[in-house]
Structures are given as C-alpha cells and as structure tokens.
Amino acid sequence: MAWIASRAASSGQVKVYLDGTYQATVDLKSATTLYRQAMWTKTLTSSAQHTLKIVVVGTSGRPTVTTDGIAVLN
C-alpha cells in the first residue's frame, strides 16, 4: 500500500494511521515541487480490509497537503 502525494515549499506535515494505529509523521516540504511521490508505504501481510487515515497536522506557515492517490497492489 502506498499514499501518494505532492511535495512543495508550502507543504506541511501529516500523521499516518493504519487500522487506527499511528504509523508515522510525514513532512511534505520540498525546495522544488514534486508530483506523485510515494510518501508512505507499507507491505501488508493479509488481504483483509484495511483503513488508511491521513491527518493534516496544520504546520504553521505550511498548511497545504495535496494527496494524489492511494495505491494498492495485489
């Protein structure tokens, strides 16, 4: 599974949760704008239903978060 997002100078941070469990804080700030970047990935060991939750932290001066997609490979 991958969360795909864009990165830029105005991009902030997010907290990633999988099935209600905190996984990571991801900072999307980048000096140059980058599109469709796999910002968080996880190998899942079961084909059960999963819930991915992305929570915008609201980083001061960098509140923007742009999600390009979620990819799941079987």
Protein backbone atom coordinates (compact mmCIF):
# COMPACT_ATOMS: atom_id res chain seq x y z
CA MET A 1 0.00 0.00 0.00
CA ALA A 2 1.25 3.50 -0.76
CA TRP A 3 0.00 7.00 -0.02
CA ILE A 4 0.92 9.22 -2.96
CA ALA A 5 1.23 12.99 -2.53
CA SER A 6 2.79 16.13 -3.95
CA ARG A 7 5.62 17.99 -2.24
CA ALA A 8 6.34 21.75 -2.29
CA ALA A 9 7.80 24.58 -0.22
CA SER A 10 4.34 25.34 1.22
CA SER A 11 3.53 21.70 2.07
CA GLY A 12 3.05 20.75 5.71
CA GLN A 13 3.04 17.57 7.76
CA VAL A 14 0.58 14.70 8.17
CA LYS A 15 0.16 11.84 10.59
CA VAL A 16 -0.50 8.45 9.02
CA TYR A 17 -2.67 5.81 10.72
CA LEU A 18 -3.33 2.28 9.52
CA ASP A 19 -6.27 0.45 11.05
CA GLY A 20 -6.35 3.05 13.86
CA THR A 21 -2.68 2.61 14.77
CA TYR A 22 -0.24 5.52 14.37
CA GLN A 23 2.41 4.71 11.76
CA ALA A 24 4.43 7.86 11.04
CA THR A 25 4.57 11.63 10.73
CA VAL A 26 5.46 12.65 7.18
CA ASP A 27 6.83 16.10 6.27
CA LEU A 28 5.97 17.07 2.69
CA LYS A 29 8.17 20.17 2.49
CA SER A 30 10.47 20.29 -0.54
CA ALA A 31 12.55 23.08 -2.09
CA THR A 32 11.21 22.06 -5.52
CA THR A 33 7.69 20.95 -6.37
CA LEU A 34 7.44 17.19 -6.88
CA TYR A 35 4.29 15.41 -8.02
CA ARG A 36 3.04 11.86 -7.42
CA GLN A 37 5.60 10.82 -4.81
CA ALA A 38 5.09 7.66 -2.73
CA MET A 39 5.36 9.38 0.65
CA TRP A 40 4.44 6.43 2.85
CA THR A 41 4.43 2.73 2.03
CA LYS A 42 3.54 -0.42 3.92
CA THR A 43 3.72 -4.09 3.00
CA LEU A 44 0.54 -5.78 4.18
CA THR A 45 0.66 -9.45 5.06
CA SER A 46 -3.07 -10.14 4.70
CA SER A 47 -5.69 -9.39 2.09
CA ALA A 48 -8.16 -8.27 4.77
CA GLN A 49 -9.86 -4.88 4.59
CA HIS A 50 -7.68 -2.04 5.94
CA THR A 51 -8.32 1.62 6.77
CA LEU A 52 -5.74 4.29 5.93
CA LYS A 53 -6.21 7.65 7.66
CA ILE A 54 -4.19 10.76 6.79
CA VAL A 55 -4.47 13.58 9.36
CA VAL A 56 -3.18 17.04 8.43
CA VAL A 57 -1.10 18.41 11.33
CA GLY A 58 -1.66 22.08 10.36
CA THR A 59 2.01 23.04 10.22
CA SER A 60 2.43 26.79 10.87
CA GLY A 61 3.23 28.63 7.63
CA ARG A 62 2.90 25.39 5.61
CA PRO A 63 -0.72 24.26 5.89
CA THR A 64 -1.05 22.73 2.40
CA VAL A 65 -1.31 18.98 1.82
CA THR A 66 -2.12 17.59 -1.63
CA THR A 67 -2.98 13.90 -1.97
CA ASP A 68 -2.57 12.45 -5.45
CA GLY A 69 -3.81 8.96 -4.63
CA ILE A 70 -3.56 5.68 -2.78
CA ALA A 71 -2.09 2.62 -4.48
CA VAL A 72 -2.72 -0.99 -3.52
CA LEU A 73 -1.00 -3.79 -5.40
CA ASN A 74 -2.26 -7.36 -5.17
